[in-house]
Amino acid sequence: LMSFLTAGEPEVRAWTIKKGTKAPQAAGKIHSDIERGFIRAEIVS
């Protein structure tokens, strides 16, 4: 397992995914609608 992070004033959070997970499936960990309607991901390390 590993974690991707979301950060903002409402919440800072670590999300658990399997190593090797692609961006749409990672989005699905937050909600299935986000995976279904995925367009792109803005990412900074």
PDB file of all heavy atoms in Angstrom:
ATOM      1  N   LEU A   1       0.824  -1.208   0.000  1.00  0.00           N
ATOM      2  CA  LEU A   1       0.000   0.000   0.000  1.00  0.00           C
ATOM      3  C   LEU A   1       0.858   1.258   0.000  1.00  0.00           C
ATOM      4  O   LEU A   1       2.016   1.249   0.407  1.00  0.00           O
ATOM      5  CB  LEU A   1      -0.907   0.016   1.240  1.00  0.00           C
ATOM      6  CG  LEU A   1      -1.833  -1.174   1.423  1.00  0.00           C
ATOM      7  CD1 LEU A   1      -2.595  -1.052   2.736  1.00  0.00           C
ATOM      8  CD2 LEU A   1      -2.802  -1.304   0.249  1.00  0.00           C
ATOM      9  N   MET A   2       0.267   2.335  -0.448  1.00  0.00           N
ATOM     10  CA  MET A   2       0.892   3.654  -0.352  1.00  0.00           C
ATOM     11  C   MET A   2      -0.229   4.683  -0.251  1.00  0.00           C
ATOM     12  O   MET A   2      -1.420   4.341  -0.331  1.00  0.00           O
ATOM     13  CB  MET A   2       1.782   3.926  -1.565  1.00  0.00           C
ATOM     14  CG  MET A   2       1.035   4.063  -2.868  1.00  0.00           C
ATOM     15  SD  MET A   2       2.162   4.434  -4.239  1.00  0.00           S
ATOM     16  CE  MET A   2       0.995   5.041  -5.468  1.00  0.00           C
ATOM     17  N   SER A   3       0.142   5.936  -0.069  1.00  0.00           N
ATOM     18  CA  SER A   3      -0.864   6.988   0.109  1.00  0.00           C
ATOM     19  C   SER A   3      -0.668   8.120  -0.896  1.00  0.00           C
ATOM     20  O   SER A   3       0.451   8.543  -1.145  1.00  0.00           O
ATOM     21  CB  SER A   3      -0.786   7.586   1.523  1.00  0.00           C
ATOM     22  OG  SER A   3      -1.029   6.618   2.507  1.00  0.00           O
ATOM     23  N   PHE A   4      -1.781   8.577  -1.474  1.00  0.00           N
ATOM     24  CA  PHE A   4      -1.761   9.879  -2.125  1.00  0.00           C
ATOM     25  C   PHE A   4      -2.486  10.842  -1.194  1.00  0.00           C
ATOM     26  O   PHE A   4      -3.230  10.422  -0.297  1.00  0.00           O
ATOM     27  CB  PHE A   4      -2.383   9.842  -3.529  1.00  0.00           C
ATOM     28  CG  PHE A   4      -3.881   9.683  -3.587  1.00  0.00           C
ATOM     29  CD1 PHE A   4      -4.725  10.791  -3.537  1.00  0.00           C
ATOM     30  CD2 PHE A   4      -4.461   8.424  -3.711  1.00  0.00           C
ATOM     31  CE1 PHE A   4      -6.105  10.657  -3.618  1.00  0.00           C
ATOM     32  CE2 PHE A   4      -5.835   8.275  -3.785  1.00  0.00           C
ATOM     33  CZ  PHE A   4      -6.663   9.390  -3.735  1.00  0.00           C
ATOM     34  N   LEU A   5      -2.267  12.126  -1.369  1.00  0.00           N
ATOM     35  CA  LEU A   5      -2.742  13.120  -0.408  1.00  0.00           C
ATOM     36  C   LEU A   5      -3.651  14.144  -1.075  1.00  0.00           C
ATOM     37  O   LEU A   5      -3.464  14.482  -2.246  1.00  0.00           O
ATOM     38  CB  LEU A   5      -1.555  13.837   0.241  1.00  0.00           C
ATOM     39  CG  LEU A   5      -0.402  12.948   0.742  1.00  0.00           C
ATOM     40  CD1 LEU A   5       0.772  13.806   1.199  1.00  0.00           C
ATOM     41  CD2 LEU A   5      -0.873  12.043   1.863  1.00  0.00           C
ATOM     42  N   THR A   6      -4.642  14.595  -0.333  1.00  0.00           N
ATOM     43  CA  THR A   6      -5.421  15.765  -0.735  1.00  0.00           C
ATOM     44  C   THR A   6      -5.261  16.802   0.365  1.00  0.00           C
ATOM     45  O   THR A   6      -5.221  16.459   1.550  1.00  0.00           O
ATOM     46  CB  THR A   6      -6.916  15.421  -0.937  1.00  0.00           C
ATOM     47  OG1 THR A   6      -7.432  14.745   0.224  1.00  0.00           O
ATOM     48  CG2 THR A   6      -7.100  14.524  -2.152  1.00  0.00           C
ATOM     49  N   ALA A   7      -5.149  18.068  -0.012  1.00  0.00           N
ATOM     50  CA  ALA A   7      -4.854  19.109   0.969  1.00  0.00           C
ATOM     51  C   ALA A   7      -5.623  20.383   0.663  1.00  0.00           C
ATOM     52  O   ALA A   7      -5.696  20.830  -0.482  1.00  0.00           O
ATOM     53  CB  ALA A   7      -3.351  19.395   0.988  1.00  0.00           C
ATOM     54  N   GLY A   8      -6.207  20.951   1.698  1.00  0.00           N
ATOM     55  CA  GLY A   8      -6.932  22.211   1.591  1.00  0.00           C
ATOM     56  C   GLY A   8      -7.367  22.645   2.974  1.00  0.00           C
ATOM     57  O   GLY A   8      -7.133  21.945   3.965  1.00  0.00           O
ATOM     58  N   GLU A   9      -8.020  23.778   3.072  1.00  0.00           N
ATOM     59  CA  GLU A   9      -8.439  24.289   4.380  1.00  0.00           C
ATOM     60  C   GLU A   9      -9.466  23.375   5.062  1.00  0.00           C
ATOM     61  O   GLU A   9      -9.424  23.215   6.277  1.00  0.00           O
ATOM     62  CB  GLU A   9      -8.985  25.707   4.238  1.00  0.00           C
ATOM     63  CG  GLU A   9      -7.899  26.732   3.939  1.00  0.00           C
ATOM     64  CD  GLU A   9      -8.445  28.148   3.892  1.00  0.00           C
ATOM     65  OE1 GLU A   9      -9.639  28.330   4.209  1.00  0.00           O
ATOM     66  OE2 GLU A   9      -7.674  29.051   3.531  1.00  0.00           O
ATOM     67  N   PRO A  10     -10.411  22.780   4.312  1.00  0.00           N
ATOM     68  CA  PRO A  10     -11.367  21.909   5.012  1.00  0.00           C
ATOM     69  C   PRO A  10     -10.715  20.649   5.578  1.00  0.00           C
ATOM     70  O   PRO A  10     -11.020  20.229   6.686  1.00  0.00           O
ATOM     71  CB  PRO A  10     -12.389  21.555   3.931  1.00  0.00           C
ATOM     72  CG  PRO A  10     -12.220  22.601   2.880  1.00  0.00           C
ATOM     73  CD  PRO A  10     -10.776  22.950   2.901  1.00  0.00           C
ATOM     74  N   GLU A  11      -9.790  20.025   4.802  1.00  0.00           N
ATOM     75  CA  GLU A  11      -9.224  18.751   5.256  1.00  0.00           C
ATOM     76  C   GLU A  11      -7.896  18.459   4.570  1.00  0.00           C
ATOM     77  O   GLU A  11      -7.717  18.711   3.385  1.00  0.00           O
ATOM     78  CB  GLU A  11     -10.201  17.604   4.966  1.00  0.00           C
ATOM     79  CG  GLU A  11      -9.716  16.253   5.486  1.00  0.00           C
ATOM     80  CD  GLU A  11     -10.685  15.118   5.168  1.00  0.00           C
ATOM     81  OE1 GLU A  11     -11.324  15.163   4.104  1.00  0.00           O
ATOM     82  OE2 GLU A  11     -10.787  14.195   5.996  1.00  0.00           O
ATOM     83  N   VAL A  12      -6.978  17.909   5.344  1.00  0.00           N
ATOM     84  CA  VAL A  12      -5.750  17.298   4.821  1.00  0.00           C
ATOM     85  C   VAL A  12      -5.897  15.804   5.060  1.00  0.00           C
ATOM     86  O   VAL A  12      -6.188  15.385   6.182  1.00  0.00           O
ATOM     87  CB  VAL A  12      -4.491  17.848   5.529  1.00  0.00           C
ATOM     88  CG1 VAL A  12      -3.281  16.971   5.223  1.00  0.00           C
ATOM     89  CG2 VAL A  12      -4.226  19.286   5.111  1.00  0.00           C
ATOM     90  N   ARG A  13      -5.704  15.007   4.001  1.00  0.00           N
ATOM     91  CA  ARG A  13      -6.037  13.586   4.135  1.00  0.00           C
ATOM     92  C   ARG A  13      -5.107  12.688   3.320  1.00  0.00           C
ATOM     93  O   ARG A  13      -4.674  13.045   2.227  1.00  0.00           O
ATOM     94  CB  ARG A  13      -7.478  13.354   3.680  1.00  0.00           C
ATOM     95  CG  ARG A  13      -7.954  11.916   3.826  1.00  0.00           C
ATOM     96  CD  ARG A  13      -9.447  11.849   3.701  1.00  0.00           C
ATOM     97  NE  ARG A  13      -9.952  10.504   3.936  1.00  0.00           N
ATOM     98  CZ  ARG A  13     -11.215  10.212   4.199  1.00  0.00           C
ATOM     99  NH1 ARG A  13     -12.114  11.181   4.271  1.00  0.00           N
ATOM    100  NH2 ARG A  13     -11.595   8.975   4.409  1.00  0.00           N
ATOM    101  N   ALA A  14      -4.823  11.518   3.877  1.00  0.00           N
ATOM    102  CA  ALA A  14      -4.084  10.471   3.162  1.00  0.00           C
ATOM    103  C   ALA A  14      -5.079   9.411   2.705  1.00  0.00           C
ATOM    104  O   ALA A  14      -5.922   8.965   3.486  1.00  0.00           O
ATOM    105  CB  ALA A  14      -3.032   9.848   4.068  1.00  0.00           C
ATOM    106  N   TRP A  15      -4.962   9.020   1.433  1.00  0.00           N
ATOM    107  CA  TRP A  15      -5.853   8.014   0.853  1.00  0.00           C
ATOM    108  C   TRP A  15      -5.051   6.767   0.516  1.00  0.00           C
ATOM    109  O   TRP A  15      -3.999   6.850  -0.116  1.00  0.00           O
ATOM    110  CB  TRP A  15      -6.517   8.554  -0.420  1.00  0.00           C
ATOM    111  CG  TRP A  15      -7.401   9.735  -0.177  1.00  0.00           C
ATOM    112  CD1 TRP A  15      -7.026  11.050  -0.147  1.00  0.00           C
ATOM    113  CD2 TRP A  15      -8.796   9.716   0.086  1.00  0.00           C
ATOM    114  NE1 TRP A  15      -8.101  11.847   0.105  1.00  0.00           N
ATOM    115  CE2 TRP A  15      -9.207  11.058   0.256  1.00  0.00           C
ATOM    116  CE3 TRP A  15      -9.749   8.702   0.187  1.00  0.00           C
ATOM    117  CZ2 TRP A  15     -10.528  11.402   0.536  1.00  0.00           C
ATOM    118  CZ3 TRP A  15     -11.064   9.042   0.462  1.00  0.00           C
ATOM    119  CH2 TRP A  15     -11.450  10.380   0.633  1.00  0.00           C
ATOM    120  N   THR A  16      -5.543   5.632   0.912  1.00  0.00           N
ATOM    121  CA  THR A  16      -4.828   4.374   0.713  1.00  0.00           C
ATOM    122  C   THR A  16      -5.125   3.779  -0.648  1.00  0.00           C
ATOM    123  O   THR A  16      -6.293   3.604  -1.023  1.00  0.00           O
ATOM    124  CB  THR A  16      -5.230   3.355   1.792  1.00  0.00           C
ATOM    125  OG1 THR A  16      -4.910   3.889   3.078  1.00  0.00           O
ATOM    126  CG2 THR A  16      -4.502   2.035   1.598  1.00  0.00           C
ATOM    127  N   ILE A  17      -4.059   3.449  -1.387  1.00  0.00           N
ATOM    128  CA  ILE A  17      -4.204   2.737  -2.658  1.00  0.00           C
ATOM    129  C   ILE A  17      -3.102   1.695  -2.766  1.00  0.00           C
ATOM    130  O   ILE A  17      -2.091   1.758  -2.075  1.00  0.00           O
ATOM    131  CB  ILE A  17      -4.121   3.686  -3.879  1.00  0.00           C
ATOM    132  CG1 ILE A  17      -2.823   4.517  -3.829  1.00  0.00           C
ATOM    133  CG2 ILE A  17      -5.353   4.562  -3.985  1.00  0.00           C
ATOM    134  CD1 ILE A  17      -2.592   5.369  -5.073  1.00  0.00           C
ATOM    135  N   LYS A  18      -3.298   0.719  -3.640  1.00  0.00           N
ATOM    136  CA  LYS A  18      -2.271  -0.268  -3.936  1.00  0.00           C
ATOM    137  C   LYS A  18      -1.197   0.382  -4.803  1.00  0.00           C
ATOM    138  O   LYS A  18      -1.499   1.219  -5.665  1.00  0.00           O
ATOM    139  CB  LYS A  18      -2.878  -1.462  -4.682  1.00  0.00           C
ATOM    140  CG  LYS A  18      -3.642  -2.429  -3.796  1.00  0.00           C
ATOM    141  CD  LYS A  18      -2.685  -3.416  -3.154  1.00  0.00           C
ATOM    142  CE  LYS A  18      -3.425  -4.531  -2.447  1.00  0.00           C
ATOM    143  NZ  LYS A  18      -2.473  -5.457  -1.777  1.00  0.00           N
ATOM    144  N   LYS A  19       0.049  -0.009  -4.594  1.00  0.00           N
ATOM    145  CA  LYS A  19       1.121   0.461  -5.467  1.00  0.00           C
ATOM    146  C   LYS A  19       0.821   0.032  -6.899  1.00  0.00           C
ATOM    147  O   LYS A  19       0.385  -1.091  -7.135  1.00  0.00           O
ATOM    148  CB  LYS A  19       2.463  -0.114  -5.009  1.00  0.00           C
ATOM    149  CG  LYS A  19       2.913   0.434  -3.664  1.00  0.00           C
ATOM    150  CD  LYS A  19       4.185  -0.238  -3.168  1.00  0.00           C
ATOM    151  CE  LYS A  19       4.575   0.295  -1.795  1.00  0.00           C
ATOM    152  NZ  LYS A  19       5.761  -0.402  -1.231  1.00  0.00           N
ATOM    153  N   GLY A  20       1.029   0.946  -7.850  1.00  0.00           N
ATOM    154  CA  GLY A  20       0.734   0.653  -9.247  1.00  0.00           C
ATOM    155  C   GLY A  20      -0.643   1.112  -9.693  1.00  0.00           C
ATOM    156  O   GLY A  20      -1.014   0.926 -10.851  1.00  0.00           O
ATOM    157  N   THR A  21      -1.425   1.730  -8.800  1.00  0.00           N
ATOM    158  CA  THR A  21      -2.768   2.200  -9.135  1.00  0.00           C
ATOM    159  C   THR A  21      -2.703   3.404 -10.081  1.00  0.00           C
ATOM    160  O   THR A  21      -1.901   4.316  -9.893  1.00  0.00           O
ATOM    161  CB  THR A  21      -3.535   2.604  -7.856  1.00  0.00           C
ATOM    162  OG1 THR A  21      -3.657   1.465  -7.008  1.00  0.00           O
ATOM    163  CG2 THR A  21      -4.927   3.140  -8.190  1.00  0.00           C
ATOM    164  N   LYS A  22      -3.571   3.396 -11.096  1.00  0.00           N
ATOM    165  CA  LYS A  22      -3.634   4.524 -12.029  1.00  0.00           C
ATOM    166  C   LYS A  22      -4.551   5.620 -11.482  1.00  0.00           C
ATOM    167  O   LYS A  22      -5.377   5.375 -10.602  1.00  0.00           O
ATOM    168  CB  LYS A  22      -4.118   4.048 -13.396  1.00  0.00           C
ATOM    169  CG  LYS A  22      -3.103   3.147 -14.100  1.00  0.00           C
ATOM    170  CD  LYS A  22      -3.561   2.758 -15.499  1.00  0.00           C
ATOM    171  CE  LYS A  22      -2.505   1.904 -16.196  1.00  0.00           C
ATOM    172  NZ  LYS A  22      -2.916   1.510 -17.567  1.00  0.00           N
ATOM    173  N   ALA A  23      -4.402   6.818 -12.031  1.00  0.00           N
ATOM    174  CA  ALA A  23      -5.086   8.002 -11.508  1.00  0.00           C
ATOM    175  C   ALA A  23      -6.610   7.846 -11.404  1.00  0.00           C
ATOM    176  O   ALA A  23      -7.189   8.185 -10.366  1.00  0.00           O
ATOM    177  CB  ALA A  23      -4.730   9.226 -12.348  1.00  0.00           C
ATOM    178  N   PRO A  24      -7.321   7.333 -12.441  1.00  0.00           N
ATOM    179  CA  PRO A  24      -8.780   7.224 -12.313  1.00  0.00           C
ATOM    180  C   PRO A  24      -9.213   6.312 -11.166  1.00  0.00           C
ATOM    181  O   PRO A  24     -10.187   6.604 -10.458  1.00  0.00           O
ATOM    182  CB  PRO A  24      -9.211   6.648 -13.667  1.00  0.00           C
ATOM    183  CG  PRO A  24      -8.116   7.024 -14.611  1.00  0.00           C
ATOM    184  CD  PRO A  24      -6.868   6.954 -13.794  1.00  0.00           C
ATOM    185  N   GLN A  25      -8.483   5.215 -10.973  1.00  0.00           N
ATOM    186  CA  GLN A  25      -8.829   4.286  -9.889  1.00  0.00           C
ATOM    187  C   GLN A  25      -8.525   4.905  -8.519  1.00  0.00           C
ATOM    188  O   GLN A  25      -9.247   4.664  -7.548  1.00  0.00           O
ATOM    189  CB  GLN A  25      -8.066   2.963 -10.054  1.00  0.00           C
ATOM    190  CG  GLN A  25      -8.574   2.091 -11.195  1.00  0.00           C
ATOM    191  CD  GLN A  25      -8.291   2.663 -12.568  1.00  0.00           C
ATOM    192  OE1 GLN A  25      -7.147   3.033 -12.866  1.00  0.00           O
ATOM    193  NE2 GLN A  25      -9.312   2.770 -13.415  1.00  0.00           N
ATOM    194  N   ALA A  26      -7.481   5.717  -8.463  1.00  0.00           N
ATOM    195  CA  ALA A  26      -7.190   6.446  -7.222  1.00  0.00           C
ATOM    196  C   ALA A  26      -8.326   7.417  -6.920  1.00  0.00           C
ATOM    197  O   ALA A  26      -8.775   7.546  -5.780  1.00  0.00           O
ATOM    198  CB  ALA A  26      -5.865   7.195  -7.346  1.00  0.00           C
ATOM    199  N   ALA A  27      -8.804   8.085  -7.961  1.00  0.00           N
ATOM    200  CA  ALA A  27      -9.934   9.001  -7.790  1.00  0.00           C
ATOM    201  C   ALA A  27     -11.160   8.261  -7.269  1.00  0.00           C
ATOM    202  O   ALA A  27     -11.938   8.789  -6.472  1.00  0.00           O
ATOM    203  CB  ALA A  27     -10.252   9.681  -9.122  1.00  0.00           C
ATOM    204  N   GLY A  28     -11.313   7.014  -7.718  1.00  0.00           N
ATOM    205  CA  GLY A  28     -12.437   6.198  -7.267  1.00  0.00           C
ATOM    206  C   GLY A  28     -12.406   5.890  -5.791  1.00  0.00           C
ATOM    207  O   GLY A  28     -13.433   5.546  -5.200  1.00  0.00           O
ATOM    208  N   LYS A  29     -11.224   5.978  -5.157  1.00  0.00           N
ATOM    209  CA  LYS A  29     -11.144   5.783  -3.711  1.00  0.00           C
ATOM    210  C   LYS A  29     -11.865   6.901  -2.966  1.00  0.00           C
ATOM    211  O   LYS A  29     -12.344   6.706  -1.849  1.00  0.00           O
ATOM    212  CB  LYS A  29      -9.671   5.736  -3.268  1.00  0.00           C
ATOM    213  CG  LYS A  29      -8.959   4.460  -3.657  1.00  0.00           C
ATOM    214  CD  LYS A  29      -9.514   3.271  -2.886  1.00  0.00           C
ATOM    215  CE  LYS A  29      -8.821   1.983  -3.267  1.00  0.00           C
ATOM    216  NZ  LYS A  29      -9.333   0.835  -2.505  1.00  0.00           N
ATOM    217  N   ILE A  30     -11.906   8.078  -3.592  1.00  0.00           N
ATOM    218  CA  ILE A  30     -12.637   9.187  -2.985  1.00  0.00           C
ATOM    219  C   ILE A  30     -14.122   9.026  -3.250  1.00  0.00           C
ATOM    220  O   ILE A  30     -14.947   9.094  -2.347  1.00  0.00           O
ATOM    221  CB  ILE A  30     -12.126  10.540  -3.538  1.00  0.00           C
ATOM    222  CG1 ILE A  30     -10.648  10.711  -3.182  1.00  0.00           C
ATOM    223  CG2 ILE A  30     -12.956  11.697  -2.994  1.00  0.00           C
ATOM    224  CD1 ILE A  30     -10.015  11.959  -3.756  1.00  0.00           C
ATOM    225  N   HIS A  31     -14.467   8.773  -4.520  1.00  0.00           N
ATOM    226  CA  HIS A  31     -15.864   8.490  -4.864  1.00  0.00           C
ATOM    227  C   HIS A  31     -15.936   7.888  -6.258  1.00  0.00           C
ATOM    228  O   HIS A  31     -15.189   8.297  -7.156  1.00  0.00           O
ATOM    229  CB  HIS A  31     -16.724   9.755  -4.800  1.00  0.00           C
ATOM    230  CG  HIS A  31     -18.179   9.454  -4.659  1.00  0.00           C
ATOM    231  ND1 HIS A  31     -18.952   9.010  -5.711  1.00  0.00           N
ATOM    232  CD2 HIS A  31     -19.002   9.472  -3.582  1.00  0.00           C
ATOM    233  CE1 HIS A  31     -20.184   8.798  -5.291  1.00  0.00           C
ATOM    234  NE2 HIS A  31     -20.246   9.062  -4.001  1.00  0.00           N
ATOM    235  N   SER A  32     -16.827   6.936  -6.438  1.00  0.00           N
ATOM    236  CA  SER A  32     -16.960   6.260  -7.733  1.00  0.00           C
ATOM    237  C   SER A  32     -17.354   7.229  -8.841  1.00  0.00           C
ATOM    238  O   SER A  32     -16.973   7.039 -10.002  1.00  0.00           O
ATOM    239  CB  SER A  32     -17.992   5.130  -7.635  1.00  0.00           C
ATOM    240  OG  SER A  32     -19.247   5.631  -7.207  1.00  0.00           O
ATOM    241  N   ASP A  33     -18.117   8.294  -8.522  1.00  0.00           N
ATOM    242  CA  ASP A  33     -18.506   9.276  -9.534  1.00  0.00           C
ATOM    243  C   ASP A  33     -17.295  10.029 -10.080  1.00  0.00           C
ATOM    244  O   ASP A  33     -17.271  10.433 -11.245  1.00  0.00           O
ATOM    245  CB  ASP A  33     -19.506  10.284  -8.951  1.00  0.00           C
ATOM    246  CG  ASP A  33     -20.900   9.688  -8.797  1.00  0.00           C
ATOM    247  OD1 ASP A  33     -21.100   8.544  -9.258  1.00  0.00           O
ATOM    248  OD2 ASP A  33     -21.768  10.346  -8.202  1.00  0.00           O
ATOM    249  N   ILE A  34     -16.283  10.227  -9.232  1.00  0.00           N
ATOM    250  CA  ILE A  34     -15.084  10.938  -9.674  1.00  0.00           C
ATOM    251  C   ILE A  34     -14.288  10.060 -10.633  1.00  0.00           C
ATOM    252  O   ILE A  34     -13.737  10.543 -11.621  1.00  0.00           O
ATOM    253  CB  ILE A  34     -14.221  11.361  -8.466  1.00  0.00           C
ATOM    254  CG1 ILE A  34     -15.062  12.176  -7.481  1.00  0.00           C
ATOM    255  CG2 ILE A  34     -13.018  12.181  -8.917  1.00  0.00           C
ATOM    256  CD1 ILE A  34     -14.339  12.511  -6.187  1.00  0.00           C
ATOM    257  N   GLU A  35     -14.248   8.765 -10.356  1.00  0.00           N
ATOM    258  CA  GLU A  35     -13.584   7.837 -11.283  1.00  0.00           C
ATOM    259  C   GLU A  35     -14.342   7.773 -12.602  1.00  0.00           C
ATOM    260  O   GLU A  35     -13.744   7.807 -13.683  1.00  0.00           O
ATOM    261  CB  GLU A  35     -13.504   6.441 -10.657  1.00  0.00           C
ATOM    262  CG  GLU A  35     -12.847   5.413 -11.579  1.00  0.00           C
ATOM    263  CD  GLU A  35     -12.744   4.038 -10.947  1.00  0.00           C
ATOM    264  OE1 GLU A  35     -13.206   3.858  -9.801  1.00  0.00           O
ATOM    265  OE2 GLU A  35     -12.216   3.118 -11.612  1.00  0.00           O
ATOM    266  N   ARG A  36     -15.654   7.694 -12.527  1.00  0.00           N
ATOM    267  CA  ARG A  36     -16.482   7.571 -13.733  1.00  0.00           C
ATOM    268  C   ARG A  36     -16.349   8.806 -14.620  1.00  0.00           C
ATOM    269  O   ARG A  36     -16.292   8.701 -15.854  1.00  0.00           O
ATOM    270  CB  ARG A  36     -17.948   7.367 -13.328  1.00  0.00           C
ATOM    271  CG  ARG A  36     -18.915   7.205 -14.485  1.00  0.00           C
ATOM    272  CD  ARG A  36     -20.273   6.756 -13.977  1.00  0.00           C
ATOM    273  NE  ARG A  36     -20.772   7.610 -12.907  1.00  0.00           N
ATOM    274  CZ  ARG A  36     -21.419   8.748 -13.110  1.00  0.00           C
ATOM    275  NH1 ARG A  36     -21.630   9.184 -14.347  1.00  0.00           N
ATOM    276  NH2 ARG A  36     -21.862   9.458 -12.087  1.00  0.00           N
ATOM    277  N   GLY A  37     -16.273   9.990 -14.005  1.00  0.00           N
ATOM    278  CA  GLY A  37     -16.205  11.227 -14.786  1.00  0.00           C
ATOM    279  C   GLY A  37     -14.805  11.818 -14.878  1.00  0.00           C
ATOM    280  O   GLY A  37     -14.642  12.989 -15.222  1.00  0.00           O
ATOM    281  N   PHE A  38     -13.796  10.995 -14.583  1.00  0.00           N
ATOM    282  CA  PHE A  38     -12.408  11.480 -14.541  1.00  0.00           C
ATOM    283  C   PHE A  38     -11.998  12.151 -15.853  1.00  0.00           C
ATOM    284  O   PHE A  38     -12.217  11.623 -16.940  1.00  0.00           O
ATOM    285  CB  PHE A  38     -11.469  10.300 -14.250  1.00  0.00           C
ATOM    286  CG  PHE A  38     -10.012  10.678 -14.220  1.00  0.00           C
ATOM    287  CD1 PHE A  38      -9.411  11.084 -13.054  1.00  0.00           C
ATOM    288  CD2 PHE A  38      -9.241  10.622 -15.386  1.00  0.00           C
ATOM    289  CE1 PHE A  38      -8.054  11.423 -13.021  1.00  0.00           C
ATOM    290  CE2 PHE A  38      -7.890  10.952 -15.367  1.00  0.00           C
ATOM    291  CZ  PHE A  38      -7.303  11.363 -14.179  1.00  0.00           C
ATOM    292  N   ILE A  39     -11.385  13.327 -15.734  1.00  0.00           N
ATOM    293  CA  ILE A  39     -10.834  14.034 -16.897  1.00  0.00           C
ATOM    294  C   ILE A  39      -9.306  14.067 -16.797  1.00  0.00           C
ATOM    295  O   ILE A  39      -8.607  13.601 -17.684  1.00  0.00           O
ATOM    296  CB  ILE A  39     -11.404  15.465 -17.002  1.00  0.00           C
ATOM    297  CG1 ILE A  39     -12.916  15.392 -17.236  1.00  0.00           C
ATOM    298  CG2 ILE A  39     -10.710  16.229 -18.126  1.00  0.00           C
ATOM    299  CD1 ILE A  39     -13.617  16.728 -17.179  1.00  0.00           C
ATOM    300  N   ARG A  40      -8.812  14.595 -15.706  1.00  0.00           N
ATOM    301  CA  ARG A  40      -7.360  14.604 -15.481  1.00  0.00           C
ATOM    302  C   ARG A  40      -7.099  14.900 -14.005  1.00  0.00           C
ATOM    303  O   ARG A  40      -8.015  15.221 -13.240  1.00  0.00           O
ATOM    304  CB  ARG A  40      -6.673  15.633 -16.370  1.00  0.00           C
ATOM    305  CG  ARG A  40      -7.071  17.073 -16.158  1.00  0.00           C
ATOM    306  CD  ARG A  40      -6.343  17.978 -17.159  1.00  0.00           C
ATOM    307  NE  ARG A  40      -6.708  19.378 -17.001  1.00  0.00           N
ATOM    308  CZ  ARG A  40      -7.739  19.967 -17.587  1.00  0.00           C
ATOM    309  NH1 ARG A  40      -8.531  19.238 -18.390  1.00  0.00           N
ATOM    310  NH2 ARG A  40      -7.994  21.251 -17.405  1.00  0.00           N
ATOM    311  N   ALA A  41      -5.836  14.792 -13.633  1.00  0.00           N
ATOM    312  CA  ALA A  41      -5.435  15.055 -12.254  1.00  0.00           C
ATOM    313  C   ALA A  41      -4.314  16.081 -12.245  1.00  0.00           C
ATOM    314  O   ALA A  41      -3.344  15.954 -12.989  1.00  0.00           O
ATOM    315  CB  ALA A  41      -4.968  13.766 -11.580  1.00  0.00           C
ATOM    316  N   GLU A  42      -4.468  17.107 -11.428  1.00  0.00           N
ATOM    317  CA  GLU A  42      -3.394  18.072 -11.225  1.00  0.00           C
ATOM    318  C   GLU A  42      -2.573  17.591 -10.030  1.00  0.00           C
ATOM    319  O   GLU A  42      -3.111  17.432  -8.928  1.00  0.00           O
ATOM    320  CB  GLU A  42      -3.951  19.474 -10.972  1.00  0.00           C
ATOM    321  CG  GLU A  42      -4.550  20.103 -12.211  1.00  0.00           C
ATOM    322  CD  GLU A  42      -4.927  21.562 -11.991  1.00  0.00           C
ATOM    323  OE1 GLU A  42      -4.796  22.041 -10.843  1.00  0.00           O
ATOM    324  OE2 GLU A  42      -5.348  22.217 -12.961  1.00  0.00           O
ATOM    325  N   ILE A  43      -1.282  17.366 -10.245  1.00  0.00           N
ATOM    326  CA  ILE A  43      -0.448  16.709  -9.233  1.00  0.00           C
ATOM    327  C   ILE A  43       0.831  17.494  -8.967  1.00  0.00           C
ATOM    328  O   ILE A  43       1.486  17.976  -9.889  1.00  0.00           O
ATOM    329  CB  ILE A  43      -0.084  15.269  -9.684  1.00  0.00           C
ATOM    330  CG1 ILE A  43      -1.353  14.414  -9.764  1.00  0.00           C
ATOM    331  CG2 ILE A  43       0.944  14.642  -8.753  1.00  0.00           C
ATOM    332  CD1 ILE A  43      -1.122  13.019 -10.298  1.00  0.00           C
ATOM    333  N   VAL A  44       1.165  17.599  -7.688  1.00  0.00           N
ATOM    334  CA  VAL A  44       2.462  18.114  -7.270  1.00  0.00           C
ATOM    335  C   VAL A  44       2.998  17.136  -6.230  1.00  0.00           C
ATOM    336  O   VAL A  44       2.237  16.601  -5.419  1.00  0.00           O
ATOM    337  CB  VAL A  44       2.361  19.543  -6.688  1.00  0.00           C
ATOM    338  CG1 VAL A  44       1.472  19.580  -5.454  1.00  0.00           C
ATOM    339  CG2 VAL A  44       3.748  20.099  -6.358  1.00  0.00           C
ATOM    340  N   SER A  45       4.290  16.874  -6.269  1.00  0.00           N
ATOM    341  CA  SER A  45       4.857  15.966  -5.270  1.00  0.00           C
ATOM    342  C   SER A  45       4.924  16.667  -3.919  1.00  0.00           C
ATOM    343  O   SER A  45       5.068  17.898  -3.839  1.00  0.00           O
ATOM    344  CB  SER A  45       6.244  15.497  -5.684  1.00  0.00           C
ATOM    345  OG  SER A  45       7.198  16.524  -5.494  1.00  0.00           O
TER     346      SER A  45
END
